[in-house]
Amino acid sequence: MEDNKRRKVTIKDIAKEVGISPTAVSLILNNKPCRIAQEKKSLVREVAKQRNYIVNQAAKSLATKKSYMLALILPDIENTFFSSLAKQIENRCRREGYSLIIASSDEQESNDRQLLRVLESRGVDGIFLIMSSESFENSKMLMKELDLLTMPYVMVDRTFPDFDCSRVRFDHEQGGYLATKYLLEQGHTKIGCVFKEIGSGRSRLDGYLRALKEFHIPVKKEYLQAGDYRMESGYRAAGYLLLTDVTAIFLCNDMMTLGFLKKLYEEKLQVPKDYSIVSYDDSLQNYLLEIELTTVVQDITMIAEQACQMMFQKFTKEEIEKKEIILMPKLQVRTSVKNIIKK
């Protein structure tokens, strides 16, 4: 039987066809400086393209002692914010010649630690970590694991404030403040909040509380509903808040907003006619056809760029200007908030 498998083309094959040494071919294909005429360089690249030459990554890794692989640990791959962030980080890594392994901890602290160990054993060159919510409650165990790592890492979005490491995040307290302040400015004083009790969710709640205090509005416990950043918890929160007299709701992430909107739809209630809503993340705008959500926007491209820049500076041994970068969220005003100020 004829073997239809494609024979792997080697550097030696290209060298023989072009008439130069394998070392010279390697230098050309890896864009390394060499004293070879431009015409010959062009010929090498053309032959490599025609022969479908594929770089032997294993051999390259042995020579450079680098795997050219990075890893990203994120808490929930189904969360649209994290999946969008993963895409941006992957695109940036690809431009630098790195592949990205993406792993989800499913919001479990034990998975954070296990994944760090597994990825280290796989020989990745660096790790981006968006830690699980549980890790805020068991911070000492995760910090100990991070201290033992033998490769560079960057904490992204969710960070420990007093931990000495490279990290980039948004000012989530300011984001919660901007959302609530806008609702107050539109005349709403009965404002519900669906939040997460730890980490960035707690910071967003703090922003909500700061805005209420600034406008001298008392906090009502019945207006506060804890969730877990997932759609189901937004749906459950709606069941409670619809029994109160709230006129507006600040939801601390888009997935909980989706669940809240589902409950409103089932009850035949409309935004903003019946309830005004401000969300957080701005990851739903391409999917909600009838609702233009006012939302707190986090620039995903920016945080991905800053995280990758930190990582690549570690590889080049450049001095990192800042160990922590704090980015400011912005409020994108659309049509999901009704102005109820009496004129």
Protein backbone atom coordinates (compact mmCIF):
# COMPACT_ATOMS: atom_id res chain seq x y z
CA MET A 1 0.00 0.00 0.00
CA GLU A 2 1.31 3.44 -0.90
CA ASP A 3 2.21 5.59 2.10
CA ASN A 4 0.21 8.81 1.74
CA LYS A 5 1.72 10.44 4.81
CA ARG A 6 3.68 13.62 4.15
CA ARG A 7 7.41 13.27 4.87
CA LYS A 8 8.62 15.86 7.34
CA VAL A 9 10.92 18.37 5.70
CA THR A 10 14.08 19.18 7.67
CA ILE A 11 16.54 22.05 7.67
CA LYS A 12 19.06 19.69 6.06
CA ASP A 13 16.65 19.11 3.13
CA ILE A 14 16.32 22.85 2.55
CA ALA A 15 20.07 23.37 2.90
CA LYS A 16 20.79 20.68 0.31
CA GLU A 17 18.31 22.16 -2.17
CA VAL A 18 19.56 25.74 -1.77
CA GLY A 19 23.24 24.85 -1.53
CA ILE A 20 24.18 26.33 1.85
CA SER A 21 24.86 24.89 5.30
CA PRO A 22 22.06 23.77 7.66
CA THR A 23 23.36 26.30 10.22
CA ALA A 24 22.87 29.13 7.71
CA VAL A 25 19.33 27.94 6.93
CA SER A 26 18.53 27.85 10.67
CA LEU A 27 19.78 31.40 11.14
CA ILE A 28 17.70 32.65 8.22
CA LEU A 29 14.47 30.92 9.26
CA ASN A 30 14.86 32.17 12.83
CA ASN A 31 15.56 35.73 11.66
CA LYS A 32 19.01 35.71 13.24
CA PRO A 33 21.82 37.95 11.92
CA CYS A 34 24.08 36.25 9.36
CA ARG A 35 26.36 37.22 6.46
CA ILE A 36 24.25 35.78 3.68
CA ALA A 37 23.04 37.66 0.60
CA GLN A 38 19.44 38.85 0.66
CA GLU A 39 18.73 36.93 -2.52
CA LYS A 40 19.83 33.68 -0.88
CA LYS A 41 17.73 34.46 2.22
CA SER A 42 14.67 34.98 0.05
CA LEU A 43 15.32 31.68 -1.71
CA VAL A 44 15.58 29.80 1.60
CA ARG A 45 12.25 31.20 2.78
CA GLU A 46 10.58 30.43 -0.53
CA VAL A 47 11.81 26.82 -0.53
CA ALA A 48 10.69 26.40 3.09
CA LYS A 49 7.24 27.70 2.15
CA GLN A 50 6.94 25.47 -0.93
CA ARG A 51 8.07 22.39 0.98
CA ASN A 52 5.71 23.15 3.92
CA TYR A 53 8.57 23.29 6.39
CA ILE A 54 7.39 23.22 10.03
CA VAL A 55 9.70 24.31 12.84
CA ASN A 56 10.74 21.46 15.14
CA GLN A 57 9.61 23.11 18.36
CA ALA A 58 11.09 20.39 20.55
CA ALA A 59 14.53 20.90 19.04
CA LYS A 60 14.18 24.66 19.30
CA SER A 61 13.23 24.36 22.96
CA LEU A 62 16.28 22.21 23.67
CA ALA A 63 18.54 24.76 22.01
CA THR A 64 17.03 27.85 23.64
CA LYS A 65 15.89 26.26 26.94
CA LYS A 66 12.50 27.84 26.31
CA SER A 67 9.19 26.13 25.51
CA TYR A 68 7.64 29.18 23.79
CA MET A 69 4.47 28.31 25.66
CA LEU A 70 2.68 30.47 28.21
CA ALA A 71 -0.32 29.56 30.34
CA LEU A 72 -3.42 31.39 31.50
CA ILE A 73 -5.38 30.17 34.52
CA LEU A 74 -8.83 31.72 34.65
CA PRO A 75 -11.75 31.12 37.03
CA ASP A 76 -14.64 30.47 34.65
CA ILE A 77 -14.28 29.91 30.90
CA GLU A 78 -18.06 30.32 30.44
CA ASN A 79 -17.92 33.88 31.74
CA THR A 80 -17.88 36.13 28.66
CA PHE A 81 -15.50 38.62 30.27
CA PHE A 82 -12.85 35.99 30.97
CA SER A 83 -13.21 34.29 27.59
CA SER A 84 -12.81 37.65 25.84
CA LEU A 85 -9.76 38.44 27.98
CA ALA A 86 -8.27 35.04 27.16
CA LYS A 87 -8.67 35.75 23.45
CA GLN A 88 -6.87 39.08 23.73
CA ILE A 89 -3.99 37.58 25.73
CA GLU A 90 -3.69 34.72 23.25
CA ASN A 91 -3.56 37.12 20.30
CA ARG A 92 -0.83 39.17 21.95
CA CYS A 93 1.20 36.06 22.82
CA ARG A 94 0.90 34.73 19.27
CA ARG A 95 2.35 37.95 17.88
CA GLU A 96 5.39 37.38 20.09
CA GLY A 97 5.80 33.79 18.90
CA TYR A 98 4.26 32.08 21.95
CA SER A 99 1.44 29.56 22.23
CA LEU A 100 -1.02 29.95 25.12
CA ILE A 101 -2.42 27.12 27.22
CA ILE A 102 -5.76 28.07 28.80
CA ALA A 103 -7.02 26.31 31.92
CA SER A 104 -10.08 26.97 34.09
CA SER A 105 -10.08 26.59 37.88
CA ASP A 106 -13.88 26.55 38.08
CA GLU A 107 -13.61 29.12 40.91
CA GLN A 108 -11.88 26.59 43.20
CA GLU A 109 -8.78 27.48 45.21
CA SER A 110 -7.47 23.91 45.16
CA ASN A 111 -7.60 23.95 41.36
CA ASP A 112 -5.59 27.18 41.27
CA ARG A 113 -2.77 25.51 43.19
CA GLN A 114 -2.96 22.23 41.28
CA LEU A 115 -2.91 23.99 37.91
CA LEU A 116 0.14 26.03 38.92
CA ARG A 117 2.00 22.81 39.73
CA VAL A 118 0.86 21.01 36.57
CA LEU A 119 1.76 23.91 34.27
CA GLU A 120 5.14 24.30 35.93
CA SER A 121 5.84 20.60 35.33
CA ARG A 122 4.88 21.06 31.66
CA GLY A 123 7.69 23.59 31.33
CA VAL A 124 5.73 26.69 30.34
CA ASP A 125 7.81 29.86 30.27
CA GLY A 126 5.36 31.94 32.30
CA ILE A 127 1.86 31.97 33.80
CA PHE A 128 -0.93 34.54 33.78
CA LEU A 129 -3.17 33.98 36.79
CA ILE A 130 -6.74 35.19 37.26
CA MET A 131 -7.34 33.48 40.56
CA SER A 132 -10.55 31.88 41.78
CA SER A 133 -12.89 33.54 44.24
CA GLU A 134 -12.09 30.84 46.80
CA SER A 135 -8.45 31.93 46.77
CA PHE A 136 -9.40 35.21 48.42
CA GLU A 137 -10.57 33.17 51.40
CA ASN A 138 -7.48 30.89 51.41
CA SER A 139 -4.94 33.45 50.30
CA LYS A 140 -1.99 32.13 52.34
CA MET A 141 -2.05 28.75 50.59
CA LEU A 142 -2.06 30.26 47.11
CA MET A 143 0.60 32.85 47.98
CA LYS A 144 2.83 30.05 49.29
CA GLU A 145 2.36 28.16 46.00
CA LEU A 146 3.22 31.28 44.00
CA ASP A 147 6.38 31.84 46.03
CA LEU A 148 7.55 28.35 45.04
CA LEU A 149 7.15 28.93 41.29
CA THR A 150 10.34 28.76 39.26
CA MET A 151 9.06 30.78 36.31
CA PRO A 152 7.65 34.31 35.94
CA TYR A 153 3.98 34.97 36.59
CA VAL A 154 1.62 37.93 36.40
CA MET A 155 -1.62 38.23 38.38
CA VAL A 156 -4.43 39.67 36.25
CA ASP A 157 -7.72 41.35 37.26
CA ARG A 158 -8.01 39.60 40.65
CA THR A 159 -5.07 40.31 42.92
CA PHE A 160 -3.95 40.28 46.54
CA PRO A 161 -3.38 43.92 47.54
CA ASP A 162 -0.41 43.31 49.85
CA PHE A 163 1.29 40.51 47.93
CA ASP A 164 4.63 41.46 46.34
CA CYS A 165 4.25 40.40 42.70
CA SER A 166 3.61 41.79 39.23
CA ARG A 167 -0.10 42.47 38.78
CA VAL A 168 -2.54 44.46 36.67
CA ARG A 169 -6.15 45.16 37.57
CA PHE A 170 -9.03 47.60 37.26
CA ASP A 171 -10.18 49.92 40.04
CA HIS A 172 -13.41 48.02 40.70
CA GLU A 173 -14.43 50.23 43.62
CA GLN A 174 -14.44 53.19 41.24
CA GLY A 175 -16.49 51.18 38.75
CA GLY A 176 -19.17 50.46 41.34
CA TYR A 177 -19.18 54.11 42.33
CA LEU A 178 -19.63 55.32 38.75
CA ALA A 179 -22.56 52.94 38.14
CA THR A 180 -24.42 53.89 41.31
CA LYS A 181 -23.70 57.60 41.02
CA TYR A 182 -25.24 57.64 37.54
CA LEU A 183 -28.43 55.98 38.81
CA LEU A 184 -28.63 58.53 41.63
CA GLU A 185 -28.16 61.38 39.18
CA GLN A 186 -31.13 60.06 37.20
CA GLY A 187 -33.33 60.41 40.28
CA HIS A 188 -33.22 56.83 41.59
CA THR A 189 -32.84 56.45 45.35
CA LYS A 190 -34.22 52.93 45.70
CA ILE A 191 -31.30 51.09 44.10
CA GLY A 192 -30.70 47.37 44.43
CA CYS A 193 -27.26 45.81 44.09
CA VAL A 194 -26.43 42.26 43.01
CA PHE A 195 -22.81 41.64 43.98
CA LYS A 196 -20.22 39.05 44.87
CA GLU A 197 -19.11 39.06 48.49
CA ILE A 198 -15.36 38.74 47.96
CA GLY A 199 -12.62 40.06 45.70
CA SER A 200 -13.53 42.42 42.89
CA GLY A 201 -17.24 41.95 43.67
CA ARG A 202 -16.74 43.29 47.17
CA SER A 203 -14.87 46.28 45.72
CA ARG A 204 -17.79 47.03 43.39
CA LEU A 205 -20.17 46.85 46.33
CA ASP A 206 -17.93 49.30 48.21
CA GLY A 207 -18.26 51.70 45.29
CA TYR A 208 -22.05 51.35 45.47
CA LEU A 209 -21.98 52.12 49.19
CA ARG A 210 -19.69 55.13 48.69
CA ALA A 211 -22.07 56.67 46.15
CA LEU A 212 -25.08 56.19 48.44
CA LYS A 213 -23.18 57.81 51.30
CA GLU A 214 -22.18 60.75 49.10
CA PHE A 215 -25.85 61.35 48.21
CA HIS A 216 -26.98 60.80 51.83
CA ILE A 217 -29.09 57.75 50.90
CA PRO A 218 -29.45 55.12 53.68
CA VAL A 219 -28.44 51.55 52.88
CA LYS A 220 -31.28 49.02 52.94
CA LYS A 221 -30.31 45.39 53.46
CA GLU A 222 -33.29 44.15 51.47
CA TYR A 223 -31.84 45.91 48.42
CA LEU A 224 -28.61 43.85 48.61
CA GLN A 225 -28.39 40.41 47.03
CA ALA A 226 -25.23 38.31 46.95
CA GLY A 227 -24.46 36.27 43.83
CA ASP A 228 -21.56 34.31 42.36
CA TYR A 229 -21.03 36.04 38.97
CA ARG A 230 -23.09 33.35 37.26
CA MET A 231 -26.38 33.66 35.44
CA GLU A 232 -28.37 31.55 37.90
CA SER A 233 -27.53 33.83 40.82
CA GLY A 234 -28.75 36.88 38.90
CA TYR A 235 -32.00 35.08 38.22
CA ARG A 236 -32.42 34.22 41.93
CA ALA A 237 -31.58 37.79 42.98
CA ALA A 238 -34.30 39.11 40.68
CA GLY A 239 -36.84 36.92 42.46
CA TYR A 240 -36.06 38.71 45.72
CA LEU A 241 -35.59 42.26 44.44
CA LEU A 242 -38.83 42.26 42.47
CA LEU A 243 -40.61 41.87 45.82
CA THR A 244 -39.13 45.16 47.05
CA ASP A 245 -39.80 48.73 45.91
CA VAL A 246 -36.50 49.19 44.03
CA THR A 247 -36.69 51.18 40.80
CA ALA A 248 -33.14 50.50 39.66
CA ILE A 249 -30.51 47.78 39.99
CA PHE A 250 -26.74 47.79 39.74
CA LEU A 251 -25.53 44.31 38.78
CA CYS A 252 -21.83 43.69 39.35
CA ASN A 253 -21.23 41.57 36.26
CA ASP A 254 -22.85 40.77 32.93
CA MET A 255 -23.60 37.10 33.59
CA MET A 256 -25.75 37.98 36.61
CA THR A 257 -27.39 40.67 34.47
CA LEU A 258 -28.38 37.98 31.96
CA GLY A 259 -30.09 35.99 34.70
CA PHE A 260 -31.84 39.11 35.99
CA LEU A 261 -33.11 39.97 32.50
CA LYS A 262 -34.39 36.42 32.07
CA LYS A 263 -36.56 36.81 35.18
CA LEU A 264 -37.84 40.20 33.99
CA TYR A 265 -38.77 38.65 30.63
CA GLU A 266 -40.69 35.85 32.36
CA GLU A 267 -42.58 38.42 34.42
CA LYS A 268 -43.29 40.49 31.28
CA LEU A 269 -41.39 43.44 32.72
CA GLN A 270 -39.35 45.83 30.58
CA VAL A 271 -36.09 47.78 30.80
CA PRO A 272 -36.12 50.72 31.43
CA LYS A 273 -39.91 51.15 31.59
CA ASP A 274 -40.30 49.01 34.72
CA TYR A 275 -36.73 48.76 36.00
CA SER A 276 -33.55 50.67 35.24
CA ILE A 277 -30.36 48.63 35.03
CA VAL A 278 -26.63 49.31 35.03
CA SER A 279 -24.38 46.31 34.36
CA TYR A 280 -20.62 45.69 34.55
CA ASP A 281 -18.15 44.36 31.92
CA ASP A 282 -19.81 45.37 28.61
CA SER A 283 -19.51 41.86 27.18
CA LEU A 284 -23.20 41.52 26.21
CA GLN A 285 -23.68 44.39 23.79
CA ASN A 286 -23.39 42.22 20.69
CA TYR A 287 -25.96 39.73 22.00
CA LEU A 288 -28.81 41.81 23.44
CA LEU A 289 -30.86 42.91 20.47
CA GLU A 290 -33.59 44.89 22.22
CA ILE A 291 -31.72 46.37 25.19
CA GLU A 292 -28.91 48.95 25.05
CA LEU A 293 -27.27 48.36 28.43
CA THR A 294 -25.69 51.20 30.33
CA THR A 295 -22.61 49.51 31.73
CA VAL A 296 -19.23 49.91 33.36
CA VAL A 297 -16.67 49.18 30.67
CA GLN A 298 -13.38 47.45 31.33
CA ASP A 299 -10.94 47.82 28.44
CA ILE A 300 -10.08 44.16 27.86
CA THR A 301 -7.53 44.93 25.16
CA MET A 302 -5.72 47.30 27.51
CA ILE A 303 -5.50 44.92 30.47
CA ALA A 304 -4.33 42.10 28.18
CA GLU A 305 -1.66 44.35 26.66
CA GLN A 306 -0.40 45.50 30.06
CA ALA A 307 -0.28 41.94 31.43
CA CYS A 308 1.63 40.67 28.40
CA GLN A 309 4.02 43.60 28.47
CA MET A 310 4.83 42.80 32.10
CA MET A 311 5.46 39.17 31.19
CA PHE A 312 7.73 39.86 28.23
CA GLN A 313 9.75 42.37 30.24
CA LYS A 314 10.50 39.54 32.64
CA PHE A 315 11.87 37.45 29.77
CA THR A 316 14.19 40.20 28.56
CA LYS A 317 15.26 40.94 32.13
CA GLU A 318 14.18 44.54 31.69
CA GLU A 319 13.39 46.37 34.89
CA ILE A 320 9.62 46.56 35.26
CA GLU A 321 8.64 50.17 35.82
CA LYS A 322 5.62 49.34 37.98
CA LYS A 323 4.86 46.11 39.80
CA GLU A 324 1.18 47.04 39.95
CA ILE A 325 -0.83 48.72 37.22
CA ILE A 326 -4.31 49.97 38.10
CA LEU A 327 -6.59 50.76 35.15
CA MET A 328 -9.67 52.94 35.39
CA PRO A 329 -13.05 51.63 34.21
CA LYS A 330 -15.46 53.94 32.39
CA LEU A 331 -19.23 54.27 32.36
CA GLN A 332 -20.87 53.75 28.96
CA VAL A 333 -24.28 55.41 29.02
CA ARG A 334 -26.93 53.83 26.80
CA THR A 335 -30.70 53.49 27.20
CA SER A 336 -31.31 51.03 30.06
CA VAL A 337 -31.74 53.75 32.71
CA LYS A 338 -34.89 55.85 33.00
CA ASN A 339 -34.63 59.42 34.26
CA ILE A 340 -37.28 59.83 37.00
CA ILE A 341 -36.37 63.30 38.23
CA LYS A 342 -39.58 65.29 38.56
CA LYS A 343 -39.54 68.39 36.39
